[in-house]
């Protein structure tokens, strides 16, 4: 008879509640749906007579929705520009590394003004 236990660091033995965590002797432990509180270091321990086996895994659950603050536009050329001069606007946003953000520009009369705009590739820092 093999005994199997799932432990979460700082929480101890995890007992299947058949709501979020289930155990199937043929498949193992199933966590579904995964929630942020399931984040952590897990140890699966199997014992049979005088033999032991351990498996360790780290689970990191990221929130499905994240707050993204409004972008900041840095006007490096100043507030005013005249025809023929260069106006530089840098759009940036600061978010946690785990959040992916795509920024786009919308300009009036886009078909007319697109030839005069230089839109470099985005940079992540």
N, C-alpha and C. Protein backbone atom coordinates (compact mmCIF):
# COMPACT_ATOMS: atom_id res chain seq x y z
N UNK A 1 0.84 -1.18 0.00
CA UNK A 1 0.00 0.00 0.00
C UNK A 1 0.89 1.25 0.00
N UNK A 2 0.77 2.07 -1.03
CA UNK A 2 1.57 3.29 -1.17
C UNK A 2 0.79 4.46 -0.57
N UNK A 3 1.45 5.26 0.27
CA UNK A 3 0.82 6.47 0.80
C UNK A 3 1.41 7.67 0.08
N UNK A 4 0.54 8.61 -0.29
CA UNK A 4 0.96 9.80 -1.02
C UNK A 4 0.43 11.02 -0.28
N UNK A 5 1.31 12.02 -0.10
CA UNK A 5 0.93 13.27 0.55
C UNK A 5 1.38 14.45 -0.29
N UNK A 6 0.57 15.49 -0.28
CA UNK A 6 0.95 16.74 -0.92
C UNK A 6 1.11 17.78 0.18
N UNK A 7 2.27 18.45 0.18
CA UNK A 7 2.53 19.48 1.19
C UNK A 7 2.84 20.79 0.49
N UNK A 8 2.37 21.87 1.09
CA UNK A 8 2.69 23.21 0.60
C UNK A 8 3.53 23.88 1.68
N UNK A 9 4.65 24.49 1.23
CA UNK A 9 5.55 25.14 2.17
C UNK A 9 4.79 26.15 3.01
N UNK A 10 5.04 26.15 4.30
CA UNK A 10 4.42 27.04 5.29
C UNK A 10 2.96 26.71 5.59
N UNK A 11 2.37 25.72 4.89
CA UNK A 11 0.97 25.36 5.16
C UNK A 11 0.83 23.90 5.57
N UNK A 12 1.87 23.11 5.34
CA UNK A 12 1.82 21.70 5.74
C UNK A 12 1.08 20.82 4.75
N UNK A 13 0.52 19.72 5.27
CA UNK A 13 -0.16 18.74 4.42
C UNK A 13 -1.44 19.35 3.85
N UNK A 14 -1.61 19.15 2.54
CA UNK A 14 -2.81 19.63 1.85
C UNK A 14 -3.76 18.45 1.70
N UNK A 15 -4.92 18.55 2.31
CA UNK A 15 -5.92 17.49 2.19
C UNK A 15 -6.87 17.81 1.04
N UNK A 16 -7.07 16.86 0.14
CA UNK A 16 -8.00 17.11 -0.96
C UNK A 16 -9.38 17.47 -0.42
N UNK A 17 -9.92 18.58 -0.93
CA UNK A 17 -11.24 19.03 -0.49
C UNK A 17 -12.32 18.72 -1.53
N UNK A 18 -11.89 18.13 -2.65
CA UNK A 18 -12.77 17.80 -3.78
C UNK A 18 -13.52 19.01 -4.33
N UNK A 19 -13.10 20.19 -3.93
CA UNK A 19 -13.64 21.44 -4.50
C UNK A 19 -12.57 22.07 -5.37
N UNK A 20 -11.39 22.33 -4.81
CA UNK A 20 -10.27 22.90 -5.55
C UNK A 20 -9.13 21.88 -5.74
N UNK A 21 -8.99 20.99 -4.79
CA UNK A 21 -7.90 20.01 -4.83
C UNK A 21 -8.48 18.61 -4.74
N UNK A 22 -8.13 17.80 -5.74
CA UNK A 22 -8.61 16.42 -5.79
C UNK A 22 -7.41 15.48 -5.91
N UNK A 23 -7.62 14.22 -5.52
CA UNK A 23 -6.58 13.21 -5.67
C UNK A 23 -7.16 12.01 -6.39
N UNK A 24 -6.48 11.59 -7.43
CA UNK A 24 -6.83 10.39 -8.18
C UNK A 24 -5.61 9.48 -8.11
N UNK A 25 -5.74 8.26 -7.57
CA UNK A 25 -4.58 7.38 -7.41
C UNK A 25 -3.87 7.05 -8.73
N UNK A 26 -4.58 7.16 -9.85
CA UNK A 26 -3.95 6.87 -11.15
C UNK A 26 -3.31 8.10 -11.78
N UNK A 27 -3.79 9.30 -11.43
CA UNK A 27 -3.29 10.53 -12.05
C UNK A 27 -2.51 11.41 -11.08
N UNK A 28 -2.84 11.37 -9.82
CA UNK A 28 -2.17 12.22 -8.84
C UNK A 28 -3.09 13.34 -8.37
N UNK A 29 -2.48 14.46 -7.96
CA UNK A 29 -3.24 15.59 -7.44
C UNK A 29 -3.66 16.51 -8.58
N UNK A 30 -4.85 17.06 -8.47
CA UNK A 30 -5.39 18.00 -9.45
C UNK A 30 -5.86 19.23 -8.70
N UNK A 31 -5.34 20.40 -9.10
CA UNK A 31 -5.78 21.67 -8.53
C UNK A 31 -6.54 22.40 -9.63
N UNK A 32 -7.84 22.59 -9.43
CA UNK A 32 -8.66 23.27 -10.44
C UNK A 32 -9.94 23.78 -9.81
N UNK A 33 -10.29 25.02 -10.03
CA UNK A 33 -9.50 26.03 -10.73
C UNK A 33 -8.35 26.52 -9.84
N UNK A 34 -7.27 26.90 -10.48
CA UNK A 34 -6.10 27.40 -9.76
C UNK A 34 -6.38 28.83 -9.32
N UNK A 35 -6.08 29.12 -8.07
CA UNK A 35 -6.31 30.44 -7.50
C UNK A 35 -4.98 31.03 -7.01
N UNK A 36 -4.90 32.36 -6.83
CA UNK A 36 -3.66 32.97 -6.36
C UNK A 36 -3.14 32.36 -5.06
N UNK A 37 -4.04 31.91 -4.17
CA UNK A 37 -3.59 31.33 -2.90
C UNK A 37 -2.93 29.96 -3.08
N UNK A 38 -3.00 29.40 -4.28
CA UNK A 38 -2.30 28.14 -4.56
C UNK A 38 -0.83 28.36 -4.90
N UNK A 39 -0.40 29.62 -5.00
CA UNK A 39 1.01 29.93 -5.26
C UNK A 39 1.87 29.40 -4.12
N UNK A 40 2.98 28.75 -4.48
CA UNK A 40 3.88 28.29 -3.43
C UNK A 40 4.73 27.11 -3.87
N UNK A 41 5.57 26.65 -2.95
CA UNK A 41 6.43 25.50 -3.17
C UNK A 41 5.72 24.27 -2.64
N UNK A 42 5.57 23.27 -3.51
CA UNK A 42 4.88 22.04 -3.15
C UNK A 42 5.84 20.86 -3.13
N UNK A 43 5.55 19.91 -2.25
CA UNK A 43 6.28 18.65 -2.17
C UNK A 43 5.27 17.52 -2.23
N UNK A 44 5.49 16.59 -3.15
CA UNK A 44 4.68 15.39 -3.22
C UNK A 44 5.54 14.26 -2.67
N UNK A 45 5.04 13.59 -1.62
CA UNK A 45 5.79 12.54 -0.97
C UNK A 45 5.06 11.21 -1.15
N UNK A 46 5.80 10.20 -1.63
CA UNK A 46 5.24 8.85 -1.76
C UNK A 46 6.06 7.90 -0.88
N UNK A 47 5.34 7.03 -0.15
CA UNK A 47 6.02 6.08 0.74
C UNK A 47 5.44 4.68 0.53
N UNK A 48 6.36 3.71 0.48
CA UNK A 48 5.97 2.30 0.39
C UNK A 48 6.96 1.51 1.22
N UNK A 49 6.46 0.93 2.28
CA UNK A 49 7.30 0.19 3.23
C UNK A 49 8.45 1.08 3.69
N UNK A 50 9.70 0.71 3.38
CA UNK A 50 10.83 1.52 3.85
C UNK A 50 11.39 2.44 2.76
N UNK A 51 10.65 2.60 1.66
CA UNK A 51 11.11 3.44 0.55
C UNK A 51 10.32 4.74 0.50
N UNK A 52 11.03 5.81 0.12
CA UNK A 52 10.40 7.14 0.01
C UNK A 52 10.81 7.78 -1.31
N UNK A 53 9.92 8.59 -1.85
CA UNK A 53 10.21 9.36 -3.06
C UNK A 53 9.59 10.74 -2.90
N UNK A 54 10.35 11.76 -3.31
CA UNK A 54 9.88 13.14 -3.16
C UNK A 54 9.96 13.85 -4.51
N UNK A 55 8.99 14.69 -4.76
CA UNK A 55 9.01 15.54 -5.96
C UNK A 55 8.66 16.95 -5.51
N UNK A 56 9.46 17.92 -5.96
CA UNK A 56 9.25 19.31 -5.58
C UNK A 56 8.87 20.13 -6.81
N UNK A 57 7.94 21.06 -6.63
CA UNK A 57 7.59 21.97 -7.73
C UNK A 57 7.14 23.31 -7.16
N UNK A 58 7.41 24.34 -7.91
CA UNK A 58 7.02 25.71 -7.54
C UNK A 58 5.86 26.12 -8.44
N UNK A 59 4.78 26.59 -7.86
CA UNK A 59 3.63 27.07 -8.64
C UNK A 59 3.48 28.56 -8.38
N UNK A 60 3.41 29.33 -9.47
CA UNK A 60 3.16 30.76 -9.35
C UNK A 60 1.90 31.08 -10.14
N UNK A 61 0.88 31.55 -9.46
CA UNK A 61 -0.39 31.87 -10.09
C UNK A 61 -0.48 33.38 -10.25
N UNK A 62 -0.60 33.82 -11.49
CA UNK A 62 -0.72 35.25 -11.77
C UNK A 62 -2.18 35.62 -11.88
N UNK A 63 -2.55 36.80 -11.40
CA UNK A 63 -3.94 37.23 -11.52
C UNK A 63 -4.34 37.34 -12.99
N UNK A 64 -5.60 37.04 -13.26
CA UNK A 64 -6.09 37.09 -14.64
C UNK A 64 -6.18 38.53 -15.14
N UNK A 65 -6.62 39.42 -14.29
CA UNK A 65 -6.74 40.83 -14.66
C UNK A 65 -5.80 41.66 -13.80
N UNK A 66 -5.18 42.63 -14.44
CA UNK A 66 -4.24 43.49 -13.73
C UNK A 66 -4.60 44.95 -13.99
N UNK A 67 -4.33 45.78 -13.00
CA UNK A 67 -4.52 47.21 -13.18
C UNK A 67 -3.34 47.74 -13.99
N UNK A 68 -3.65 48.46 -15.04
CA UNK A 68 -2.62 49.10 -15.85
C UNK A 68 -2.84 50.61 -15.73
N UNK A 69 -1.86 51.32 -15.17
CA UNK A 69 -2.02 52.76 -15.01
C UNK A 69 -2.02 53.47 -16.37
N UNK A 70 -2.53 54.69 -16.42
CA UNK A 70 -2.52 55.43 -17.69
C UNK A 70 -1.09 55.70 -18.15
N UNK A 71 -0.87 55.73 -19.46
CA UNK A 71 0.48 56.00 -19.97
C UNK A 71 0.89 57.45 -19.71
N UNK A 72 2.20 57.65 -19.71
CA UNK A 72 2.77 58.99 -19.53
C UNK A 72 3.40 59.41 -20.86
N UNK A 73 3.10 60.61 -21.31
CA UNK A 73 3.70 61.13 -22.54
C UNK A 73 4.72 62.19 -22.16
N UNK A 74 5.98 61.94 -22.52
CA UNK A 74 7.07 62.86 -22.26
C UNK A 74 7.29 63.70 -23.53
N UNK A 75 7.10 65.01 -23.42
CA UNK A 75 7.26 65.91 -24.56
C UNK A 75 8.66 66.50 -24.53
N UNK A 76 9.63 65.81 -25.12
CA UNK A 76 11.02 66.24 -25.04
C UNK A 76 11.31 67.46 -25.91
N UNK A 77 10.46 67.77 -26.87
CA UNK A 77 10.70 68.93 -27.73
C UNK A 77 10.02 70.18 -27.21
N UNK A 78 9.35 70.07 -26.09
CA UNK A 78 8.65 71.23 -25.54
C UNK A 78 7.18 71.18 -25.93
N UNK A 79 6.47 72.22 -25.56
CA UNK A 79 5.04 72.29 -25.79
C UNK A 79 4.67 72.70 -27.21
N UNK A 80 5.55 73.45 -27.89
CA UNK A 80 5.20 74.00 -29.20
C UNK A 80 6.19 73.54 -30.26
N UNK A 81 5.69 73.43 -31.46
CA UNK A 81 6.53 73.10 -32.60
C UNK A 81 5.91 73.77 -33.82
N UNK A 82 6.75 74.14 -34.76
CA UNK A 82 6.25 74.75 -36.00
C UNK A 82 6.47 73.78 -37.16
N UNK A 83 5.79 74.05 -38.26
CA UNK A 83 5.90 73.19 -39.43
C UNK A 83 7.35 73.06 -39.84
N UNK A 84 7.78 71.82 -40.08
CA UNK A 84 9.14 71.55 -40.49
C UNK A 84 10.07 71.17 -39.34
N UNK A 85 9.71 71.50 -38.11
CA UNK A 85 10.53 71.12 -36.96
C UNK A 85 10.17 69.71 -36.51
N UNK A 86 11.05 69.16 -35.68
CA UNK A 86 10.81 67.82 -35.14
C UNK A 86 10.18 67.93 -33.77
N UNK A 87 9.12 67.18 -33.56
CA UNK A 87 8.45 67.10 -32.26
C UNK A 87 8.56 65.65 -31.80
N UNK A 88 9.14 65.44 -30.63
CA UNK A 88 9.32 64.09 -30.10
C UNK A 88 8.38 63.89 -28.92
N UNK A 89 7.54 62.87 -29.01
CA UNK A 89 6.65 62.48 -27.91
C UNK A 89 6.99 61.04 -27.55
N UNK A 90 7.35 60.80 -26.31
CA UNK A 90 7.66 59.45 -25.86
C UNK A 90 6.56 58.99 -24.92
N UNK A 91 5.90 57.89 -25.30
CA UNK A 91 4.83 57.33 -24.49
C UNK A 91 5.41 56.16 -23.69
N UNK A 92 5.22 56.18 -22.36
CA UNK A 92 5.75 55.10 -21.54
C UNK A 92 4.75 54.72 -20.45
N UNK A 93 4.97 53.54 -19.91
CA UNK A 93 4.11 53.04 -18.85
C UNK A 93 4.96 52.16 -17.93
N UNK A 94 4.71 52.20 -16.64
CA UNK A 94 5.46 51.39 -15.69
C UNK A 94 4.50 50.40 -15.04
N UNK A 95 4.79 49.10 -15.26
CA UNK A 95 3.96 48.05 -14.70
C UNK A 95 4.85 46.94 -14.16
N UNK A 96 4.28 46.03 -13.39
CA UNK A 96 4.99 44.86 -12.90
C UNK A 96 5.48 44.03 -14.08
N UNK A 97 6.62 43.37 -13.93
CA UNK A 97 7.25 42.61 -15.01
C UNK A 97 6.35 41.53 -15.58
N UNK A 98 5.39 41.04 -14.80
CA UNK A 98 4.54 39.94 -15.26
C UNK A 98 3.37 40.40 -16.12
N UNK A 99 3.20 41.71 -16.27
CA UNK A 99 2.08 42.24 -17.06
C UNK A 99 2.58 42.63 -18.44
N UNK A 100 1.89 42.15 -19.46
CA UNK A 100 2.24 42.49 -20.82
C UNK A 100 1.32 43.62 -21.29
N UNK A 101 1.92 44.64 -21.88
CA UNK A 101 1.17 45.82 -22.32
C UNK A 101 1.54 46.14 -23.75
N UNK A 102 0.56 46.51 -24.55
CA UNK A 102 0.81 46.96 -25.92
C UNK A 102 0.29 48.39 -26.03
N UNK A 103 1.16 49.31 -26.45
CA UNK A 103 0.78 50.71 -26.62
C UNK A 103 0.62 51.01 -28.10
N UNK A 104 -0.39 51.77 -28.43
CA UNK A 104 -0.60 52.20 -29.82
C UNK A 104 -0.89 53.69 -29.84
N UNK A 105 -0.60 54.32 -30.97
CA UNK A 105 -0.86 55.74 -31.16
C UNK A 105 -2.08 55.91 -32.07
N UNK A 106 -2.92 56.86 -31.73
CA UNK A 106 -4.02 57.25 -32.61
C UNK A 106 -3.84 58.73 -32.93
N UNK A 107 -3.85 59.07 -34.20
CA UNK A 107 -3.65 60.47 -34.61
C UNK A 107 -4.79 60.88 -35.53
N UNK A 108 -5.17 62.16 -35.48
CA UNK A 108 -6.20 62.62 -36.40
C UNK A 108 -5.65 62.64 -37.84
N UNK A 109 -6.52 62.43 -38.79
CA UNK A 109 -6.13 62.43 -40.21
C UNK A 109 -4.95 61.48 -40.44
N UNK A 110 -5.07 60.27 -39.94
CA UNK A 110 -3.95 59.32 -39.95
C UNK A 110 -3.40 59.08 -41.36
N UNK A 111 -4.24 58.93 -42.35
CA UNK A 111 -3.76 58.66 -43.71
C UNK A 111 -2.88 59.81 -44.21
N UNK A 112 -3.23 61.03 -43.89
CA UNK A 112 -2.49 62.22 -44.33
C UNK A 112 -1.18 62.38 -43.56
N UNK A 113 -1.21 62.11 -42.24
CA UNK A 113 -0.06 62.38 -41.38
C UNK A 113 0.89 61.20 -41.21
N UNK A 114 0.50 60.00 -41.62
CA UNK A 114 1.31 58.82 -41.38
C UNK A 114 2.69 58.91 -42.03
N UNK A 115 2.77 59.53 -43.20
CA UNK A 115 4.05 59.63 -43.89
C UNK A 115 5.04 60.50 -43.13
N UNK A 116 4.56 61.39 -42.30
CA UNK A 116 5.44 62.30 -41.57
C UNK A 116 5.78 61.79 -40.17
N UNK A 117 5.24 60.62 -39.79
CA UNK A 117 5.47 60.11 -38.44
C UNK A 117 6.49 58.99 -38.45
N UNK A 118 7.38 59.02 -37.47
CA UNK A 118 8.36 57.97 -37.27
C UNK A 118 7.95 57.22 -35.99
N UNK A 119 7.56 55.96 -36.13
CA UNK A 119 7.12 55.16 -34.98
C UNK A 119 8.10 54.01 -34.79
N UNK A 120 9.11 54.20 -33.92
CA UNK A 120 10.08 53.12 -33.69
C UNK A 120 9.43 51.95 -32.96
N UNK A 121 10.12 50.81 -32.98
CA UNK A 121 9.65 49.61 -32.28
C UNK A 121 9.62 49.89 -30.78
N UNK A 122 8.65 49.32 -30.06
CA UNK A 122 8.58 49.51 -28.61
C UNK A 122 9.80 48.92 -27.91
N UNK A 123 10.13 49.51 -26.76
CA UNK A 123 11.29 49.07 -25.98
C UNK A 123 10.80 48.72 -24.57
N UNK A 124 11.21 47.56 -24.07
CA UNK A 124 10.91 47.18 -22.68
C UNK A 124 12.16 47.38 -21.85
N UNK A 125 11.98 47.96 -20.69
CA UNK A 125 13.12 48.20 -19.79
C UNK A 125 12.81 47.68 -18.43
